[in-house]
Amino acid sequence: MDMRHEATQLTRQDSARAAAAQKTSAEFLTFRLGGEEYGIDILRVQEIRSYEEPTRIAKAPAFIKGVVNLRGVIVPIVDLRIKLGCDKVEYNQFTVVIVLNVHGRVVGAVVDSVSDVMGLASDLIKPAPEMSTTVDTSFITGIASVNERMLILMDIEGLMSSTDMGLMDQAPVVQ
């Protein structure tokens, strides 16, 4: 009788774990830019490195800090704080570079600090609010409220491959 009860209990626990796993839509790497916390799809992250001064490229936009040599690969470094208009851009011991793989290309993104890897259930993610045409929310995929804090979920692949970034080759237009 006890074995049946234990087996039933284990089956219920396994079912609960499976249901919880199905509710999780994705895992996100969370990081800070200024006073805000953002999340990006963990599958786009290749590694996290401490910030090192990149080699500046002439006539590059201010948000493109330059390039670094990462094990033989020349990687462009984008400061997301400048790109997204943070009030204060300060380099300190917490400043890191998130090395991303975007459309098969390696790109570095400078952020204030990395917080956590977090699995979010799809019911926690709300759509990004519609705003005026002067605010570009096209790279915000959603907002999640987690433990009294707001997490802005970002389409890092879309942001890094946008035409104003100039980092990705544009697909030829077929007429």
C-alpha atoms as a PDB file:
ATOM      1  CA  MET A   1       0.000   0.000   0.000  1.00  0.00           C
ATOM      2  CA  ASP A   2       2.831   2.420   0.887  1.00  0.00           C
ATOM      3  CA  MET A   3       4.573   1.718  -2.425  1.00  0.00           C
ATOM      4  CA  ARG A   4       1.412   2.634  -4.350  1.00  0.00           C
ATOM      5  CA  HIS A   5       1.054   5.828  -2.372  1.00  0.00           C
ATOM      6  CA  GLU A   6       4.727   6.727  -3.007  1.00  0.00           C
ATOM      7  CA  ALA A   7       4.392   5.930  -6.728  1.00  0.00           C
ATOM      8  CA  THR A   8       1.270   8.097  -6.974  1.00  0.00           C
ATOM      9  CA  GLN A   9       3.064  10.899  -5.134  1.00  0.00           C
ATOM     10  CA  LEU A  10       6.077  10.668  -7.479  1.00  0.00           C
ATOM     11  CA  THR A  11       3.819  10.680 -10.537  1.00  0.00           C
ATOM     12  CA  ARG A  12       2.055  13.814  -9.276  1.00  0.00           C
ATOM     13  CA  GLN A  13       5.401  15.530  -8.653  1.00  0.00           C
ATOM     14  CA  ASP A  14       6.641  14.580 -12.142  1.00  0.00           C
ATOM     15  CA  SER A  15       3.401  15.884 -13.670  1.00  0.00           C
ATOM     16  CA  ALA A  16       3.738  19.151 -11.756  1.00  0.00           C
ATOM     17  CA  ARG A  17       7.349  19.552 -12.934  1.00  0.00           C
ATOM     18  CA  ALA A  18       6.363  18.815 -16.542  1.00  0.00           C
ATOM     19  CA  ALA A  19       3.504  21.315 -16.393  1.00  0.00           C
ATOM     20  CA  ALA A  20       5.823  23.961 -14.952  1.00  0.00           C
ATOM     21  CA  ALA A  21       8.390  23.272 -17.672  1.00  0.00           C
ATOM     22  CA  GLN A  22       5.735  23.641 -20.370  1.00  0.00           C
ATOM     23  CA  LYS A  23       4.642  27.002 -18.927  1.00  0.00           C
ATOM     24  CA  THR A  24       8.203  28.364 -19.263  1.00  0.00           C
ATOM     25  CA  SER A  25       8.405  30.088 -22.598  1.00  0.00           C
ATOM     26  CA  ALA A  26      12.132  30.796 -22.613  1.00  0.00           C
ATOM     27  CA  GLU A  27      15.196  31.600 -20.585  1.00  0.00           C
ATOM     28  CA  PHE A  28      16.550  35.128 -20.546  1.00  0.00           C
ATOM     29  CA  LEU A  29      19.859  36.653 -19.564  1.00  0.00           C
ATOM     30  CA  THR A  30      19.004  39.734 -17.511  1.00  0.00           C
ATOM     31  CA  PHE A  31      21.215  42.816 -17.359  1.00  0.00           C
ATOM     32  CA  ARG A  32      21.118  46.460 -16.317  1.00  0.00           C
ATOM     33  CA  LEU A  33      21.284  49.568 -18.471  1.00  0.00           C
ATOM     34  CA  GLY A  34      21.066  52.656 -16.282  1.00  0.00           C
ATOM     35  CA  GLY A  35      18.177  52.189 -13.891  1.00  0.00           C
ATOM     36  CA  GLU A  36      16.364  49.640 -16.046  1.00  0.00           C
ATOM     37  CA  GLU A  37      16.620  45.865 -16.225  1.00  0.00           C
ATOM     38  CA  TYR A  38      16.469  44.104 -19.585  1.00  0.00           C
ATOM     39  CA  GLY A  39      16.306  40.500 -20.713  1.00  0.00           C
ATOM     40  CA  ILE A  40      17.510  38.819 -23.909  1.00  0.00           C
ATOM     41  CA  ASP A  41      17.089  35.289 -25.201  1.00  0.00           C
ATOM     42  CA  ILE A  42      19.834  33.203 -23.582  1.00  0.00           C
ATOM     43  CA  LEU A  43      20.231  31.239 -26.827  1.00  0.00           C
ATOM     44  CA  ARG A  44      21.776  34.337 -28.483  1.00  0.00           C
ATOM     45  CA  VAL A  45      24.472  34.646 -25.778  1.00  0.00           C
ATOM     46  CA  GLN A  46      27.849  33.147 -26.573  1.00  0.00           C
ATOM     47  CA  GLU A  47      29.755  34.373 -23.506  1.00  0.00           C
ATOM     48  CA  ILE A  48      30.118  37.222 -21.014  1.00  0.00           C
ATOM     49  CA  ARG A  49      33.436  39.067 -20.760  1.00  0.00           C
ATOM     50  CA  SER A  50      34.822  41.885 -18.681  1.00  0.00           C
ATOM     51  CA  TYR A  51      34.994  45.195 -20.521  1.00  0.00           C
ATOM     52  CA  GLU A  52      38.238  46.019 -22.288  1.00  0.00           C
ATOM     53  CA  GLU A  53      38.807  49.171 -24.319  1.00  0.00           C
ATOM     54  CA  PRO A  54      38.159  48.314 -27.992  1.00  0.00           C
ATOM     55  CA  THR A  55      40.118  49.657 -30.954  1.00  0.00           C
ATOM     56  CA  ARG A  56      38.155  52.638 -32.286  1.00  0.00           C
ATOM     57  CA  ILE A  57      37.002  52.647 -35.919  1.00  0.00           C
ATOM     58  CA  ALA A  58      37.117  56.010 -37.722  1.00  0.00           C
ATOM     59  CA  LYS A  59      33.761  57.661 -38.459  1.00  0.00           C
ATOM     60  CA  ALA A  60      31.793  54.956 -36.622  1.00  0.00           C
ATOM     61  CA  PRO A  61      28.651  56.093 -34.777  1.00  0.00           C
ATOM     62  CA  ALA A  62      29.190  56.889 -31.071  1.00  0.00           C
ATOM     63  CA  PHE A  63      27.394  53.699 -29.962  1.00  0.00           C
ATOM     64  CA  ILE A  64      29.902  51.524 -31.867  1.00  0.00           C
ATOM     65  CA  LYS A  65      32.854  51.638 -29.492  1.00  0.00           C
ATOM     66  CA  GLY A  66      35.199  49.799 -31.869  1.00  0.00           C
ATOM     67  CA  VAL A  67      36.408  46.237 -32.311  1.00  0.00           C
ATOM     68  CA  VAL A  68      38.223  43.618 -30.237  1.00  0.00           C
ATOM     69  CA  ASN A  69      40.055  40.463 -31.225  1.00  0.00           C
ATOM     70  CA  LEU A  70      38.253  37.518 -29.633  1.00  0.00           C
ATOM     71  CA  ARG A  71      40.352  34.408 -30.210  1.00  0.00           C
ATOM     72  CA  GLY A  72      41.107  35.409 -33.812  1.00  0.00           C
ATOM     73  CA  VAL A  73      37.648  36.818 -34.597  1.00  0.00           C
ATOM     74  CA  ILE A  74      37.280  40.594 -34.993  1.00  0.00           C
ATOM     75  CA  VAL A  75      34.166  41.508 -33.007  1.00  0.00           C
ATOM     76  CA  PRO A  76      32.362  44.879 -33.236  1.00  0.00           C
ATOM     77  CA  ILE A  77      31.463  46.281 -29.807  1.00  0.00           C
ATOM     78  CA  VAL A  78      28.171  48.182 -29.395  1.00  0.00           C
ATOM     79  CA  ASP A  79      27.497  50.166 -26.226  1.00  0.00           C
ATOM     80  CA  LEU A  80      23.783  49.538 -25.639  1.00  0.00           C
ATOM     81  CA  ARG A  81      23.731  52.314 -23.048  1.00  0.00           C
ATOM     82  CA  ILE A  82      24.614  54.893 -25.705  1.00  0.00           C
ATOM     83  CA  LYS A  83      22.418  53.268 -28.364  1.00  0.00           C
ATOM     84  CA  LEU A  84      19.372  53.286 -26.089  1.00  0.00           C
ATOM     85  CA  GLY A  85      20.002  56.777 -24.705  1.00  0.00           C
ATOM     86  CA  CYS A  86      20.929  56.093 -21.074  1.00  0.00           C
ATOM     87  CA  ASP A  87      21.588  59.302 -19.142  1.00  0.00           C
ATOM     88  CA  LYS A  88      24.946  58.256 -17.754  1.00  0.00           C
ATOM     89  CA  VAL A  89      27.510  55.975 -19.366  1.00  0.00           C
ATOM     90  CA  GLU A  90      30.175  55.030 -16.869  1.00  0.00           C
ATOM     91  CA  TYR A  91      32.754  52.266 -17.215  1.00  0.00           C
ATOM     92  CA  ASN A  92      33.548  50.498 -13.942  1.00  0.00           C
ATOM     93  CA  GLN A  93      34.375  47.039 -12.583  1.00  0.00           C
ATOM     94  CA  PHE A  94      30.775  45.856 -13.205  1.00  0.00           C
ATOM     95  CA  THR A  95      30.698  46.885 -16.884  1.00  0.00           C
ATOM     96  CA  VAL A  96      30.670  43.783 -19.080  1.00  0.00           C
ATOM     97  CA  VAL A  97      30.417  42.798 -22.713  1.00  0.00           C
ATOM     98  CA  ILE A  98      27.790  40.224 -23.650  1.00  0.00           C
ATOM     99  CA  VAL A  99      29.136  38.392 -26.685  1.00  0.00           C
ATOM    100  CA  LEU A 100      26.208  37.522 -28.939  1.00  0.00           C
ATOM    101  CA  ASN A 101      25.707  35.307 -31.953  1.00  0.00           C
ATOM    102  CA  VAL A 102      23.304  37.190 -34.217  1.00  0.00           C
ATOM    103  CA  HIS A 103      22.463  35.715 -37.627  1.00  0.00           C
ATOM    104  CA  GLY A 104      25.751  33.798 -37.575  1.00  0.00           C
ATOM    105  CA  ARG A 105      27.789  36.918 -36.756  1.00  0.00           C
ATOM    106  CA  VAL A 106      29.555  37.607 -33.457  1.00  0.00           C
ATOM    107  CA  VAL A 107      28.805  41.008 -31.884  1.00  0.00           C
ATOM    108  CA  GLY A 108      29.589  42.399 -28.429  1.00  0.00           C
ATOM    109  CA  ALA A 109      27.103  44.465 -26.393  1.00  0.00           C
ATOM    110  CA  VAL A 110      28.336  46.655 -23.518  1.00  0.00           C
ATOM    111  CA  VAL A 111      25.984  46.754 -20.509  1.00  0.00           C
ATOM    112  CA  ASP A 112      26.250  48.116 -16.954  1.00  0.00           C
ATOM    113  CA  SER A 113      26.106  44.665 -15.334  1.00  0.00           C
ATOM    114  CA  VAL A 114      24.678  41.183 -15.798  1.00  0.00           C
ATOM    115  CA  SER A 115      22.102  40.118 -13.232  1.00  0.00           C
ATOM    116  CA  ASP A 116      20.790  36.609 -13.728  1.00  0.00           C
ATOM    117  CA  VAL A 117      19.542  33.871 -16.026  1.00  0.00           C
ATOM    118  CA  MET A 118      15.798  33.623 -15.596  1.00  0.00           C
ATOM    119  CA  GLY A 119      13.160  31.275 -16.976  1.00  0.00           C
ATOM    120  CA  LEU A 120       9.888  33.091 -17.550  1.00  0.00           C
ATOM    121  CA  ALA A 121       6.481  31.502 -17.876  1.00  0.00           C
ATOM    122  CA  SER A 122       4.628  32.823 -20.894  1.00  0.00           C
ATOM    123  CA  ASP A 123       1.799  34.129 -18.677  1.00  0.00           C
ATOM    124  CA  LEU A 124       4.265  36.510 -16.952  1.00  0.00           C
ATOM    125  CA  ILE A 125       5.163  38.224 -20.227  1.00  0.00           C
ATOM    126  CA  LYS A 126       2.894  41.072 -21.274  1.00  0.00           C
ATOM    127  CA  PRO A 127       3.022  42.782 -24.676  1.00  0.00           C
ATOM    128  CA  ALA A 128       5.026  45.990 -24.985  1.00  0.00           C
ATOM    129  CA  PRO A 129       2.818  49.062 -24.646  1.00  0.00           C
ATOM    130  CA  GLU A 130       1.999  51.096 -27.742  1.00  0.00           C
ATOM    131  CA  MET A 131       3.672  54.489 -27.585  1.00  0.00           C
ATOM    132  CA  SER A 132       3.972  57.596 -29.720  1.00  0.00           C
ATOM    133  CA  THR A 133       5.778  57.414 -33.030  1.00  0.00           C
ATOM    134  CA  THR A 134       8.816  59.195 -31.555  1.00  0.00           C
ATOM    135  CA  VAL A 135       9.548  56.229 -29.267  1.00  0.00           C
ATOM    136  CA  ASP A 136      10.872  53.129 -31.062  1.00  0.00           C
ATOM    137  CA  THR A 137       9.472  50.104 -29.227  1.00  0.00           C
ATOM    138  CA  SER A 138       9.978  47.689 -32.129  1.00  0.00           C
ATOM    139  CA  PHE A 139      12.825  45.930 -30.289  1.00  0.00           C
ATOM    140  CA  ILE A 140      10.810  45.386 -27.119  1.00  0.00           C
ATOM    141  CA  THR A 141       9.136  41.990 -27.287  1.00  0.00           C
ATOM    142  CA  GLY A 142       7.407  42.246 -23.932  1.00  0.00           C
ATOM    143  CA  ILE A 143       7.460  43.321 -20.314  1.00  0.00           C
ATOM    144  CA  ALA A 144       7.598  40.905 -17.397  1.00  0.00           C
ATOM    145  CA  SER A 145       6.904  41.726 -13.768  1.00  0.00           C
ATOM    146  CA  VAL A 146       9.087  39.521 -11.588  1.00  0.00           C
ATOM    147  CA  ASN A 147       9.341  39.900  -7.806  1.00  0.00           C
ATOM    148  CA  GLU A 148       8.350  43.577  -7.736  1.00  0.00           C
ATOM    149  CA  ARG A 149      10.673  44.516 -10.593  1.00  0.00           C
ATOM    150  CA  MET A 150       9.947  45.230 -14.238  1.00  0.00           C
ATOM    151  CA  LEU A 151      11.965  43.370 -16.850  1.00  0.00           C
ATOM    152  CA  ILE A 152      12.037  44.737 -20.411  1.00  0.00           C
ATOM    153  CA  LEU A 153      12.416  41.859 -22.867  1.00  0.00           C
ATOM    154  CA  MET A 154      14.431  42.831 -25.907  1.00  0.00           C
ATOM    155  CA  ASP A 155      14.701  41.371 -29.409  1.00  0.00           C
ATOM    156  CA  ILE A 156      18.496  41.647 -29.451  1.00  0.00           C
ATOM    157  CA  GLU A 157      18.703  39.949 -32.839  1.00  0.00           C
ATOM    158  CA  GLY A 158      16.342  42.516 -34.371  1.00  0.00           C
ATOM    159  CA  LEU A 159      18.158  45.419 -32.726  1.00  0.00           C
ATOM    160  CA  MET A 160      21.634  44.295 -33.788  1.00  0.00           C
ATOM    161  CA  SER A 161      20.548  43.581 -37.365  1.00  0.00           C
ATOM    162  CA  SER A 162      18.628  46.870 -37.827  1.00  0.00           C
ATOM    163  CA  THR A 163      19.826  49.065 -40.682  1.00  0.00           C
ATOM    164  CA  ASP A 164      20.831  51.975 -38.407  1.00  0.00           C
ATOM    165  CA  MET A 165      23.287  49.686 -36.617  1.00  0.00           C
ATOM    166  CA  GLY A 166      25.043  48.839 -39.893  1.00  0.00           C
ATOM    167  CA  LEU A 167      26.471  45.620 -38.454  1.00  0.00           C
ATOM    168  CA  MET A 168      24.784  43.029 -40.644  1.00  0.00           C
ATOM    169  CA  ASP A 169      24.790  42.601 -44.380  1.00  0.00           C
ATOM    170  CA  GLN A 170      21.404  43.528 -45.750  1.00  0.00           C
ATOM    171  CA  ALA A 171      19.553  40.864 -47.705  1.00  0.00           C
ATOM    172  CA  PRO A 172      19.301  41.725 -51.387  1.00  0.00           C
ATOM    173  CA  VAL A 173      15.947  43.094 -52.449  1.00  0.00           C
ATOM    174  CA  VAL A 174      14.228  40.750 -54.897  1.00  0.00           C
ATOM    175  CA  GLN A 175      12.091  42.524 -57.496  1.00  0.00           C
END
